[in-house]
PDB file of all heavy atoms in Angstrom:
ATOM      1  N   ALA A   1     -58.014 -29.667  12.368  1.00  0.00           N
ATOM      2  CA  ALA A   1     -57.400 -28.982  11.220  1.00  0.00           C
ATOM      3  C   ALA A   1     -58.452 -28.701  10.159  1.00  0.00           C
ATOM      4  O   ALA A   1     -58.523 -27.589   9.621  1.00  0.00           O
ATOM      5  CB  ALA A   1     -56.267 -29.836  10.638  1.00  0.00           C
ATOM      6  N   ASP A   2     -59.268 -29.697   9.872  1.00  0.00           N
ATOM      7  CA  ASP A   2     -60.264 -29.534   8.814  1.00  0.00           C
ATOM      8  C   ASP A   2     -61.335 -28.512   9.185  1.00  0.00           C
ATOM      9  O   ASP A   2     -61.711 -27.684   8.358  1.00  0.00           O
ATOM     10  CB  ASP A   2     -60.898 -30.876   8.467  1.00  0.00           C
ATOM     11  CG  ASP A   2     -61.762 -30.769   7.239  1.00  0.00           C
ATOM     12  OD1 ASP A   2     -61.245 -30.346   6.167  1.00  0.00           O
ATOM     13  OD2 ASP A   2     -62.977 -31.072   7.330  1.00  0.00           O
ATOM     14  N   VAL A   3     -61.819 -28.530  10.402  1.00  0.00           N
ATOM     15  CA  VAL A   3     -62.858 -27.565  10.764  1.00  0.00           C
ATOM     16  C   VAL A   3     -62.274 -26.153  10.815  1.00  0.00           C
ATOM     17  O   VAL A   3     -62.922 -25.196  10.378  1.00  0.00           O
ATOM     18  CB  VAL A   3     -63.607 -27.949  12.066  1.00  0.00           C
ATOM     19  CG1 VAL A   3     -62.785 -27.734  13.313  1.00  0.00           C
ATOM     20  CG2 VAL A   3     -64.933 -27.194  12.158  1.00  0.00           C
ATOM     21  N   HIS A   4     -61.057 -25.984  11.297  1.00  0.00           N
ATOM     22  CA  HIS A   4     -60.429 -24.660  11.272  1.00  0.00           C
ATOM     23  C   HIS A   4     -60.240 -24.187   9.828  1.00  0.00           C
ATOM     24  O   HIS A   4     -60.452 -23.011   9.525  1.00  0.00           O
ATOM     25  CB  HIS A   4     -59.092 -24.665  12.010  1.00  0.00           C
ATOM     26  CG  HIS A   4     -59.219 -24.556  13.492  1.00  0.00           C
ATOM     27  ND1 HIS A   4     -59.797 -23.479  14.125  1.00  0.00           N
ATOM     28  CD2 HIS A   4     -58.839 -25.401  14.488  1.00  0.00           C
ATOM     29  CE1 HIS A   4     -59.762 -23.647  15.434  1.00  0.00           C
ATOM     30  NE2 HIS A   4     -59.190 -24.818  15.674  1.00  0.00           N
ATOM     31  N   ARG A   5     -59.867 -25.110   8.937  1.00  0.00           N
ATOM     32  CA  ARG A   5     -59.718 -24.758   7.521  1.00  0.00           C
ATOM     33  C   ARG A   5     -61.039 -24.262   6.964  1.00  0.00           C
ATOM     34  O   ARG A   5     -61.100 -23.219   6.325  1.00  0.00           O
ATOM     35  CB  ARG A   5     -59.227 -25.978   6.727  1.00  0.00           C
ATOM     36  CG  ARG A   5     -59.074 -25.724   5.217  1.00  0.00           C
ATOM     37  CD  ARG A   5     -58.896 -27.006   4.429  1.00  0.00           C
ATOM     38  NE  ARG A   5     -60.041 -27.907   4.495  1.00  0.00           N
ATOM     39  CZ  ARG A   5     -61.159 -27.754   3.770  1.00  0.00           C
ATOM     40  NH1 ARG A   5     -61.295 -26.747   2.944  1.00  0.00           N
ATOM     41  NH2 ARG A   5     -62.147 -28.632   3.885  1.00  0.00           N
ATOM     42  N   ARG A   6     -62.111 -24.988   7.241  1.00  0.00           N
ATOM     43  CA  ARG A   6     -63.422 -24.596   6.722  1.00  0.00           C
ATOM     44  C   ARG A   6     -63.931 -23.313   7.345  1.00  0.00           C
ATOM     45  O   ARG A   6     -64.727 -22.594   6.739  1.00  0.00           O
ATOM     46  CB  ARG A   6     -64.425 -25.738   6.906  1.00  0.00           C
ATOM     47  CG  ARG A   6     -64.108 -26.895   5.940  1.00  0.00           C
ATOM     48  CD  ARG A   6     -65.072 -28.059   6.063  1.00  0.00           C
ATOM     49  NE  ARG A   6     -64.800 -28.790   7.282  1.00  0.00           N
ATOM     50  CZ  ARG A   6     -65.713 -29.160   8.172  1.00  0.00           C
ATOM     51  NH1 ARG A   6     -66.980 -28.903   7.972  1.00  0.00           N
ATOM     52  NH2 ARG A   6     -65.367 -29.826   9.255  1.00  0.00           N
ATOM     53  N   LEU A   7     -63.450 -22.993   8.556  1.00  0.00           N
ATOM     54  CA  LEU A   7     -63.806 -21.726   9.197  1.00  0.00           C
ATOM     55  C   LEU A   7     -62.935 -20.571   8.709  1.00  0.00           C
ATOM     56  O   LEU A   7     -63.173 -19.425   9.073  1.00  0.00           O
ATOM     57  CB  LEU A   7     -63.686 -21.860  10.724  1.00  0.00           C
ATOM     58  CG  LEU A   7     -64.817 -22.609  11.413  1.00  0.00           C
ATOM     59  CD1 LEU A   7     -64.418 -22.990  12.838  1.00  0.00           C
ATOM     60  CD2 LEU A   7     -66.092 -21.758  11.414  1.00  0.00           C
ATOM     61  N   GLY A   8     -61.923 -20.877   7.898  1.00  0.00           N
ATOM     62  CA  GLY A   8     -61.054 -19.836   7.357  1.00  0.00           C
ATOM     63  C   GLY A   8     -59.870 -19.486   8.237  1.00  0.00           C
ATOM     64  O   GLY A   8     -59.201 -18.477   8.005  1.00  0.00           O
ATOM     65  N   ASP A   9     -59.579 -20.294   9.238  1.00  0.00           N
ATOM     66  CA  ASP A   9     -58.459 -20.044  10.143  1.00  0.00           C
ATOM     67  C   ASP A   9     -57.294 -20.956   9.748  1.00  0.00           C
ATOM     68  O   ASP A   9     -57.063 -22.012  10.348  1.00  0.00           O
ATOM     69  CB  ASP A   9     -58.884 -20.291  11.596  1.00  0.00           C
ATOM     70  CG  ASP A   9     -57.848 -19.819  12.597  1.00  0.00           C
ATOM     71  OD1 ASP A   9     -56.659 -19.656  12.225  1.00  0.00           O
ATOM     72  OD2 ASP A   9     -58.221 -19.630  13.773  1.00  0.00           O
ATOM     73  N   ALA A  10     -56.565 -20.526   8.720  1.00  0.00           N
ATOM     74  CA  ALA A  10     -55.485 -21.350   8.172  1.00  0.00           C
ATOM     75  C   ALA A  10     -54.366 -21.593   9.185  1.00  0.00           C
ATOM     76  O   ALA A  10     -53.767 -22.670   9.202  1.00  0.00           O
ATOM     77  CB  ALA A  10     -54.919 -20.702   6.915  1.00  0.00           C
ATOM     78  N   GLY A  11     -54.083 -20.623  10.026  1.00  0.00           N
ATOM     79  CA  GLY A  11     -53.019 -20.788  11.015  1.00  0.00           C
ATOM     80  C   GLY A  11     -53.313 -21.929  11.983  1.00  0.00           C
ATOM     81  O   GLY A  11     -52.469 -22.807  12.199  1.00  0.00           O
ATOM     82  N   ARG A  12     -54.502 -21.923  12.538  1.00  0.00           N
ATOM     83  CA  ARG A  12     -54.872 -23.008  13.450  1.00  0.00           C
ATOM     84  C   ARG A  12     -54.999 -24.331  12.692  1.00  0.00           C
ATOM     85  O   ARG A  12     -54.661 -25.389  13.213  1.00  0.00           O
ATOM     86  CB  ARG A  12     -56.165 -22.680  14.181  1.00  0.00           C
ATOM     87  CG  ARG A  12     -55.962 -21.687  15.300  1.00  0.00           C
ATOM     88  CD  ARG A  12     -57.150 -21.667  16.251  1.00  0.00           C
ATOM     89  NE  ARG A  12     -56.847 -20.819  17.374  1.00  0.00           N
ATOM     90  CZ  ARG A  12     -57.442 -19.660  17.620  1.00  0.00           C
ATOM     91  NH1 ARG A  12     -58.383 -19.218  16.813  1.00  0.00           N
ATOM     92  NH2 ARG A  12     -57.115 -18.951  18.675  1.00  0.00           N
ATOM     93  N   ALA A  13     -55.493 -24.263  11.465  1.00  0.00           N
ATOM     94  CA  ALA A  13     -55.608 -25.482  10.658  1.00  0.00           C
ATOM     95  C   ALA A  13     -54.226 -26.094  10.454  1.00  0.00           C
ATOM     96  O   ALA A  13     -54.044 -27.299  10.646  1.00  0.00           O
ATOM     97  CB  ALA A  13     -56.259 -25.173   9.307  1.00  0.00           C
ATOM     98  N   ARG A  14     -53.242 -25.286  10.083  1.00  0.00           N
ATOM     99  CA  ARG A  14     -51.886 -25.795   9.869  1.00  0.00           C
ATOM    100  C   ARG A  14     -51.282 -26.349  11.164  1.00  0.00           C
ATOM    101  O   ARG A  14     -50.586 -27.352  11.144  1.00  0.00           O
ATOM    102  CB  ARG A  14     -50.981 -24.705   9.298  1.00  0.00           C
ATOM    103  CG  ARG A  14     -51.128 -24.540   7.816  1.00  0.00           C
ATOM    104  CD  ARG A  14     -50.013 -23.656   7.235  1.00  0.00           C
ATOM    105  NE  ARG A  14     -50.587 -22.836   6.191  1.00  0.00           N
ATOM    106  CZ  ARG A  14     -51.081 -21.607   6.347  1.00  0.00           C
ATOM    107  NH1 ARG A  14     -51.027 -21.013   7.520  1.00  0.00           N
ATOM    108  NH2 ARG A  14     -51.604 -20.956   5.332  1.00  0.00           N
ATOM    109  N   ASP A  15     -51.559 -25.680  12.282  1.00  0.00           N
ATOM    110  CA  ASP A  15     -51.043 -26.146  13.573  1.00  0.00           C
ATOM    111  C   ASP A  15     -51.579 -27.543  13.888  1.00  0.00           C
ATOM    112  O   ASP A  15     -50.805 -28.444  14.233  1.00  0.00           O
ATOM    113  CB  ASP A  15     -51.424 -25.162  14.681  1.00  0.00           C
ATOM    114  CG  ASP A  15     -50.972 -25.642  16.053  1.00  0.00           C
ATOM    115  OD1 ASP A  15     -49.752 -25.908  16.221  1.00  0.00           O
ATOM    116  OD2 ASP A  15     -51.822 -25.765  16.951  1.00  0.00           O
ATOM    117  N   HIS A  16     -52.878 -27.741  13.762  1.00  0.00           N
ATOM    118  CA  HIS A  16     -53.451 -29.059  14.065  1.00  0.00           C
ATOM    119  C   HIS A  16     -53.051 -30.091  13.020  1.00  0.00           C
ATOM    120  O   HIS A  16     -52.867 -31.270  13.356  1.00  0.00           O
ATOM    121  CB  HIS A  16     -54.970 -28.972  14.212  1.00  0.00           C
ATOM    122  CG  HIS A  16     -55.380 -28.401  15.533  1.00  0.00           C
ATOM    123  ND1 HIS A  16     -55.287 -29.104  16.710  1.00  0.00           N
ATOM    124  CD2 HIS A  16     -55.848 -27.174  15.863  1.00  0.00           C
ATOM    125  CE1 HIS A  16     -55.704 -28.344  17.705  1.00  0.00           C
ATOM    126  NE2 HIS A  16     -56.047 -27.169  17.220  1.00  0.00           N
ATOM    127  N   LEU A  17     -52.886 -29.668  11.787  1.00  0.00           N
ATOM    128  CA  LEU A  17     -52.430 -30.596  10.752  1.00  0.00           C
ATOM    129  C   LEU A  17     -51.020 -31.089  11.076  1.00  0.00           C
ATOM    130  O   LEU A  17     -50.733 -32.286  10.969  1.00  0.00           O
ATOM    131  CB  LEU A  17     -52.474 -29.916   9.379  1.00  0.00           C
ATOM    132  CG  LEU A  17     -52.271 -30.817   8.183  1.00  0.00           C
ATOM    133  CD1 LEU A  17     -53.360 -31.897   8.121  1.00  0.00           C
ATOM    134  CD2 LEU A  17     -52.297 -29.992   6.901  1.00  0.00           C
ATOM    135  N   ALA A  18     -50.163 -30.185  11.518  1.00  0.00           N
ATOM    136  CA  ALA A  18     -48.795 -30.577  11.903  1.00  0.00           C
ATOM    137  C   ALA A  18     -48.828 -31.536  13.090  1.00  0.00           C
ATOM    138  O   ALA A  18     -48.062 -32.511  13.143  1.00  0.00           O
ATOM    139  CB  ALA A  18     -47.963 -29.340  12.236  1.00  0.00           C
ATOM    140  N   ARG A  19     -49.717 -31.295  14.038  1.00  0.00           N
ATOM    141  CA  ARG A  19     -49.850 -32.205  15.187  1.00  0.00           C
ATOM    142  C   ARG A  19     -50.327 -33.583  14.740  1.00  0.00           C
ATOM    143  O   ARG A  19     -49.853 -34.605  15.232  1.00  0.00           O
ATOM    144  CB  ARG A  19     -50.813 -31.626  16.222  1.00  0.00           C
ATOM    145  CG  ARG A  19     -50.265 -30.402  16.919  1.00  0.00           C
ATOM    146  CD  ARG A  19     -51.278 -29.828  17.869  1.00  0.00           C
ATOM    147  NE  ARG A  19     -50.853 -28.546  18.374  1.00  0.00           N
ATOM    148  CZ  ARG A  19     -51.287 -28.034  19.517  1.00  0.00           C
ATOM    149  NH1 ARG A  19     -52.138 -28.707  20.275  1.00  0.00           N
ATOM    150  NH2 ARG A  19     -50.863 -26.856  19.897  1.00  0.00           N
ATOM    151  N   ALA A  20     -51.282 -33.608  13.794  1.00  0.00           N
ATOM    152  CA  ALA A  20     -51.765 -34.886  13.265  1.00  0.00           C
ATOM    153  C   ALA A  20     -50.629 -35.620  12.564  1.00  0.00           C
ATOM    154  O   ALA A  20     -50.457 -36.835  12.750  1.00  0.00           O
ATOM    155  CB  ALA A  20     -52.933 -34.656  12.303  1.00  0.00           C
ATOM    156  N   GLU A  21     -49.844 -34.900  11.775  1.00  0.00           N
ATOM    157  CA  GLU A  21     -48.727 -35.518  11.055  1.00  0.00           C
ATOM    158  C   GLU A  21     -47.689 -36.086  12.022  1.00  0.00           C
ATOM    159  O   GLU A  21     -47.138 -37.173  11.792  1.00  0.00           O
ATOM    160  CB  GLU A  21     -48.077 -34.503  10.110  1.00  0.00           C
ATOM    161  CG  GLU A  21     -48.959 -34.164   8.916  1.00  0.00           C
ATOM    162  CD  GLU A  21     -48.452 -32.985   8.101  1.00  0.00           C
ATOM    163  OE1 GLU A  21     -47.680 -32.140   8.635  1.00  0.00           O
ATOM    164  OE2 GLU A  21     -48.856 -32.882   6.924  1.00  0.00           O
ATOM    165  N   ARG A  22     -47.409 -35.357  13.108  1.00  0.00           N
ATOM    166  CA  ARG A  22     -46.429 -35.849  14.094  1.00  0.00           C
ATOM    167  C   ARG A  22     -46.953 -37.069  14.845  1.00  0.00           C
ATOM    168  O   ARG A  22     -46.177 -37.921  15.253  1.00  0.00           O
ATOM    169  CB  ARG A  22     -46.064 -34.739  15.089  1.00  0.00           C
ATOM    170  CG  ARG A  22     -45.160 -33.671  14.511  1.00  0.00           C
ATOM    171  CD  ARG A  22     -44.597 -32.762  15.586  1.00  0.00           C
ATOM    172  NE  ARG A  22     -45.597 -32.084  16.385  1.00  0.00           N
ATOM    173  CZ  ARG A  22     -46.127 -30.890  16.113  1.00  0.00           C
ATOM    174  NH1 ARG A  22     -45.744 -30.233  15.030  1.00  0.00           N
ATOM    175  NH2 ARG A  22     -47.016 -30.352  16.909  1.00  0.00           N
ATOM    176  N   ALA A  23     -48.261 -37.158  15.011  1.00  0.00           N
ATOM    177  CA  ALA A  23     -48.851 -38.237  15.805  1.00  0.00           C
ATOM    178  C   ALA A  23     -49.175 -39.486  14.989  1.00  0.00           C
ATOM    179  O   ALA A  23     -49.363 -40.554  15.553  1.00  0.00           O
ATOM    180  CB  ALA A  23     -50.124 -37.732  16.488  1.00  0.00           C
ATOM    181  N   VAL A  24     -49.228 -39.381  13.669  1.00  0.00           N
ATOM    182  CA  VAL A  24     -49.761 -40.465  12.838  1.00  0.00           C
ATOM    183  C   VAL A  24     -48.902 -41.718  12.818  1.00  0.00           C
ATOM    184  O   VAL A  24     -49.411 -42.809  12.539  1.00  0.00           O
ATOM    185  CB  VAL A  24     -50.059 -39.958  11.406  1.00  0.00           C
ATOM    186  CG1 VAL A  24     -48.787 -39.869  10.570  1.00  0.00           C
ATOM    187  CG2 VAL A  24     -51.116 -40.805  10.727  1.00  0.00           C
ATOM    188  N   ASP A  25     -47.638 -41.617  13.151  1.00  0.00           N
ATOM    189  CA  ASP A  25     -46.764 -42.798  13.113  1.00  0.00           C
ATOM    190  C   ASP A  25     -47.171 -43.891  14.094  1.00  0.00           C
ATOM    191  O   ASP A  25     -46.750 -45.037  13.937  1.00  0.00           O
ATOM    192  CB  ASP A  25     -45.306 -42.400  13.356  1.00  0.00           C
ATOM    193  CG  ASP A  25     -44.704 -41.683  12.157  1.00  0.00           C
ATOM    194  OD1 ASP A  25     -45.273 -41.785  11.053  1.00  0.00           O
ATOM    195  OD2 ASP A  25     -43.678 -41.003  12.333  1.00  0.00           O
ATOM    196  N   VAL A  26     -47.993 -43.558  15.087  1.00  0.00           N
ATOM    197  CA  VAL A  26     -48.447 -44.594  16.032  1.00  0.00           C
ATOM    198  C   VAL A  26     -49.489 -45.510  15.403  1.00  0.00           C
ATOM    199  O   VAL A  26     -49.760 -46.589  15.932  1.00  0.00           O
ATOM    200  CB  VAL A  26     -49.008 -43.989  17.341  1.00  0.00           C
ATOM    201  CG1 VAL A  26     -47.959 -43.128  18.034  1.00  0.00           C
ATOM    202  CG2 VAL A  26     -50.296 -43.236  17.111  1.00  0.00           C
ATOM    203  N   LEU A  27     -50.073 -45.090  14.280  1.00  0.00           N
ATOM    204  CA  LEU A  27     -51.104 -45.891  13.612  1.00  0.00           C
ATOM    205  C   LEU A  27     -50.465 -46.933  12.714  1.00  0.00           C
ATOM    206  O   LEU A  27     -49.429 -46.690  12.107  1.00  0.00           O
ATOM    207  CB  LEU A  27     -52.037 -45.001  12.793  1.00  0.00           C
ATOM    208  CG  LEU A  27     -52.801 -43.933  13.571  1.00  0.00           C
ATOM    209  CD1 LEU A  27     -53.690 -43.137  12.630  1.00  0.00           C
ATOM    210  CD2 LEU A  27     -53.609 -44.541  14.707  1.00  0.00           C
ATOM    211  N   GLY A  28     -51.116 -48.063  12.615  1.00  0.00           N
ATOM    212  CA  GLY A  28     -50.621 -49.135  11.770  1.00  0.00           C
ATOM    213  C   GLY A  28     -50.871 -48.870  10.294  1.00  0.00           C
ATOM    214  O   GLY A  28     -51.518 -47.888   9.912  1.00  0.00           O
ATOM    215  N   ASP A  29     -50.342 -49.758   9.476  1.00  0.00           N
ATOM    216  CA  ASP A  29     -50.577 -49.684   8.033  1.00  0.00           C
ATOM    217  C   ASP A  29     -51.788 -50.560   7.719  1.00  0.00           C
ATOM    218  O   ASP A  29     -51.706 -51.548   6.993  1.00  0.00           O
ATOM    219  CB  ASP A  29     -49.335 -50.161   7.269  1.00  0.00           C
ATOM    220  CG  ASP A  29     -49.482 -49.962   5.768  1.00  0.00           C
ATOM    221  OD1 ASP A  29     -50.298 -49.118   5.360  1.00  0.00           O
ATOM    222  OD2 ASP A  29     -48.806 -50.677   5.009  1.00  0.00           O
ATOM    223  N   ASP A  30     -52.905 -50.162   8.300  1.00  0.00           N
ATOM    224  CA  ASP A  30     -54.160 -50.883   8.094  1.00  0.00           C
ATOM    225  C   ASP A  30     -55.179 -49.900   7.523  1.00  0.00           C
ATOM    226  O   ASP A  30     -54.835 -48.759   7.208  1.00  0.00           O
ATOM    227  CB  ASP A  30     -54.646 -51.504   9.409  1.00  0.00           C
ATOM    228  CG  ASP A  30     -54.788 -50.479  10.533  1.00  0.00           C
ATOM    229  OD1 ASP A  30     -54.728 -49.257  10.278  1.00  0.00           O
ATOM    230  OD2 ASP A  30     -54.981 -50.900  11.691  1.00  0.00           O
ATOM    231  N   GLY A  31     -56.396 -50.330   7.394  1.00  0.00           N
ATOM    232  CA  GLY A  31     -57.425 -49.484   6.801  1.00  0.00           C
ATOM    233  C   GLY A  31     -57.613 -48.172   7.544  1.00  0.00           C
ATOM    234  O   GLY A  31     -57.711 -47.111   6.932  1.00  0.00           O
ATOM    235  N   TYR A  32     -57.646 -48.235   8.864  1.00  0.00           N
ATOM    236  CA  TYR A  32     -57.828 -47.022   9.654  1.00  0.00           C
ATOM    237  C   TYR A  32     -56.632 -46.080   9.499  1.00  0.00           C
ATOM    238  O   TYR A  32     -56.796 -44.882   9.264  1.00  0.00           O
ATOM    239  CB  TYR A  32     -58.047 -47.366  11.134  1.00  0.00           C
ATOM    240  CG  TYR A  32     -58.211 -46.146  11.992  1.00  0.00           C
ATOM    241  CD1 TYR A  32     -59.397 -45.416  11.970  1.00  0.00           C
ATOM    242  CD2 TYR A  32     -57.170 -45.705  12.806  1.00  0.00           C
ATOM    243  CE1 TYR A  32     -59.539 -44.270  12.749  1.00  0.00           C
ATOM    244  CE2 TYR A  32     -57.307 -44.567  13.594  1.00  0.00           C
ATOM    245  CZ  TYR A  32     -58.497 -43.856  13.558  1.00  0.00           C
ATOM    246  OH  TYR A  32     -58.635 -42.723  14.317  1.00  0.00           O
ATOM    247  N   GLY A  33     -55.433 -46.625   9.629  1.00  0.00           N
ATOM    248  CA  GLY A  33     -54.230 -45.803   9.491  1.00  0.00           C
ATOM    249  C   GLY A  33     -54.146 -45.145   8.123  1.00  0.00           C
ATOM    250  O   GLY A  33     -53.812 -43.964   8.008  1.00  0.00           O
ATOM    251  N   ARG A  34     -54.468 -45.903   7.082  1.00  0.00           N
ATOM    252  CA  ARG A  34     -54.453 -45.333   5.722  1.00  0.00           C
ATOM    253  C   ARG A  34     -55.516 -44.250   5.571  1.00  0.00           C
ATOM    254  O   ARG A  34     -55.272 -43.211   4.952  1.00  0.00           O
ATOM    255  CB  ARG A  34     -54.639 -46.431   4.680  1.00  0.00           C
ATOM    256  CG  ARG A  34     -53.393 -47.302   4.493  1.00  0.00           C
ATOM    257  CD  ARG A  34     -53.515 -48.274   3.327  1.00  0.00           C
ATOM    258  NE  ARG A  34     -54.533 -49.298   3.529  1.00  0.00           N
ATOM    259  CZ  ARG A  34     -54.331 -50.443   4.182  1.00  0.00           C
ATOM    260  NH1 ARG A  34     -53.136 -50.710   4.700  1.00  0.00           N
ATOM    261  NH2 ARG A  34     -55.301 -51.318   4.314  1.00  0.00           N
ATOM    262  N   MET A  35     -56.697 -44.472   6.145  1.00  0.00           N
ATOM    263  CA  MET A  35     -57.766 -43.471   6.062  1.00  0.00           C
ATOM    264  C   MET A  35     -57.323 -42.153   6.698  1.00  0.00           C
ATOM    265  O   MET A  35     -57.523 -41.078   6.128  1.00  0.00           O
ATOM    266  CB  MET A  35     -59.029 -43.985   6.746  1.00  0.00           C
ATOM    267  CG  MET A  35     -60.169 -42.983   6.748  1.00  0.00           C
ATOM    268  SD  MET A  35     -61.611 -43.540   7.679  1.00  0.00           S
ATOM    269  CE  MET A  35     -61.004 -43.426   9.372  1.00  0.00           C
ATOM    270  N   ILE A  36     -56.706 -42.235   7.877  1.00  0.00           N
ATOM    271  CA  ILE A  36     -56.260 -41.012   8.560  1.00  0.00           C
ATOM    272  C   ILE A  36     -55.134 -40.346   7.772  1.00  0.00           C
ATOM    273  O   ILE A  36     -55.131 -39.117   7.592  1.00  0.00           O
ATOM    274  CB  ILE A  36     -55.839 -41.319  10.014  1.00  0.00           C
ATOM    275  CG1 ILE A  36     -57.032 -41.853  10.815  1.00  0.00           C
ATOM    276  CG2 ILE A  36     -55.231 -40.078  10.678  1.00  0.00           C
ATOM    277  CD1 ILE A  36     -58.231 -40.929  10.895  1.00  0.00           C
ATOM    278  N   ARG A  37     -54.181 -41.130   7.268  1.00  0.00           N
ATOM    279  CA  ARG A  37     -53.091 -40.553   6.466  1.00  0.00           C
ATOM    280  C   ARG A  37     -53.641 -39.870   5.208  1.00  0.00           C
ATOM    281  O   ARG A  37     -53.185 -38.786   4.826  1.00  0.00           O
ATOM    282  CB  ARG A  37     -52.072 -41.624   6.104  1.00  0.00           C
ATOM    283  CG  ARG A  37     -51.190 -42.030   7.266  1.00  0.00           C
ATOM    284  CD  ARG A  37     -50.194 -43.140   6.886  1.00  0.00           C
ATOM    285  NE  ARG A  37     -49.390 -43.517   8.025  1.00  0.00           N
ATOM    286  CZ  ARG A  37     -49.745 -44.436   8.932  1.00  0.00           C
ATOM    287  NH1 ARG A  37     -50.888 -45.100   8.815  1.00  0.00           N
ATOM    288  NH2 ARG A  37     -48.953 -44.714   9.955  1.00  0.00           N
ATOM    289  N   GLN A  38     -54.602 -40.495   4.565  1.00  0.00           N
ATOM    290  CA  GLN A  38     -55.226 -39.886   3.378  1.00  0.00           C
ATOM    291  C   GLN A  38     -55.968 -38.610   3.749  1.00  0.00           C
ATOM    292  O   GLN A  38     -55.934 -37.629   3.009  1.00  0.00           O
ATOM    293  CB  GLN A  38     -56.164 -40.881   2.695  1.00  0.00           C
ATOM    294  CG  GLN A  38     -55.441 -42.025   2.020  1.00  0.00           C
ATOM    295  CD  GLN A  38     -56.363 -43.169   1.622  1.00  0.00           C
ATOM    296  OE1 GLN A  38     -57.565 -43.146   1.873  1.00  0.00           O
ATOM    297  NE2 GLN A  38     -55.784 -44.204   1.004  1.00  0.00           N
ATOM    298  N   GLY A  39     -56.622 -38.617   4.900  1.00  0.00           N
ATOM    299  CA  GLY A  39     -57.313 -37.417   5.366  1.00  0.00           C
ATOM    300  C   GLY A  39     -56.344 -36.277   5.626  1.00  0.00           C
ATOM    301  O   GLY A  39     -56.627 -35.119   5.284  1.00  0.00           O
ATOM    302  N   ILE A  40     -55.215 -36.581   6.203  1.00  0.00           N
ATOM    303  CA  ILE A  40     -54.186 -35.565   6.446  1.00  0.00           C
ATOM    304  C   ILE A  40     -53.699 -34.996   5.116  1.00  0.00           C
ATOM    305  O   ILE A  40     -53.581 -33.776   4.956  1.00  0.00           O
ATOM    306  CB  ILE A  40     -53.023 -36.160   7.283  1.00  0.00           C
ATOM    307  CG1 ILE A  40     -53.490 -36.443   8.713  1.00  0.00           C
ATOM    308  CG2 ILE A  40     -51.801 -35.232   7.267  1.00  0.00           C
ATOM    309  CD1 ILE A  40     -52.510 -37.268   9.550  1.00  0.00           C
ATOM    310  N   ALA A  41     -53.431 -35.871   4.161  1.00  0.00           N
ATOM    311  CA  ALA A  41     -52.965 -35.415   2.843  1.00  0.00           C
ATOM    312  C   ALA A  41     -54.020 -34.543   2.160  1.00  0.00           C
ATOM    313  O   ALA A  41     -53.682 -33.500   1.578  1.00  0.00           O
ATOM    314  CB  ALA A  41     -52.602 -36.613   1.966  1.00  0.00           C
ATOM    315  N   ARG A  42     -55.290 -34.957   2.232  1.00  0.00           N
ATOM    316  CA  ARG A  42     -56.368 -34.163   1.611  1.00  0.00           C
ATOM    317  C   ARG A  42     -56.499 -32.793   2.256  1.00  0.00           C
ATOM    318  O   ARG A  42     -56.666 -31.786   1.577  1.00  0.00           O
ATOM    319  CB  ARG A  42     -57.710 -34.899   1.719  1.00  0.00           C
ATOM    320  CG  ARG A  42     -58.001 -35.838   0.578  1.00  0.00           C
ATOM    321  CD  ARG A  42     -59.460 -36.284   0.554  1.00  0.00           C
ATOM    322  NE  ARG A  42     -59.970 -36.750   1.842  1.00  0.00           N
ATOM    323  CZ  ARG A  42     -59.801 -37.968   2.332  1.00  0.00           C
ATOM    324  NH1 ARG A  42     -59.123 -38.873   1.653  1.00  0.00           N
ATOM    325  NH2 ARG A  42     -60.315 -38.295   3.501  1.00  0.00           N
TER     326      ARG A  42
END
């Protein structure tokens, strides 16, 4: 999502961002999980 965003391809960026959001629930509420959730929000 981030690399597509930086390349100017918002459609693909949004698609991968949505996939990341759907997949993130498998991560725990630990440092890694929080880092990925914060990255998605950013």
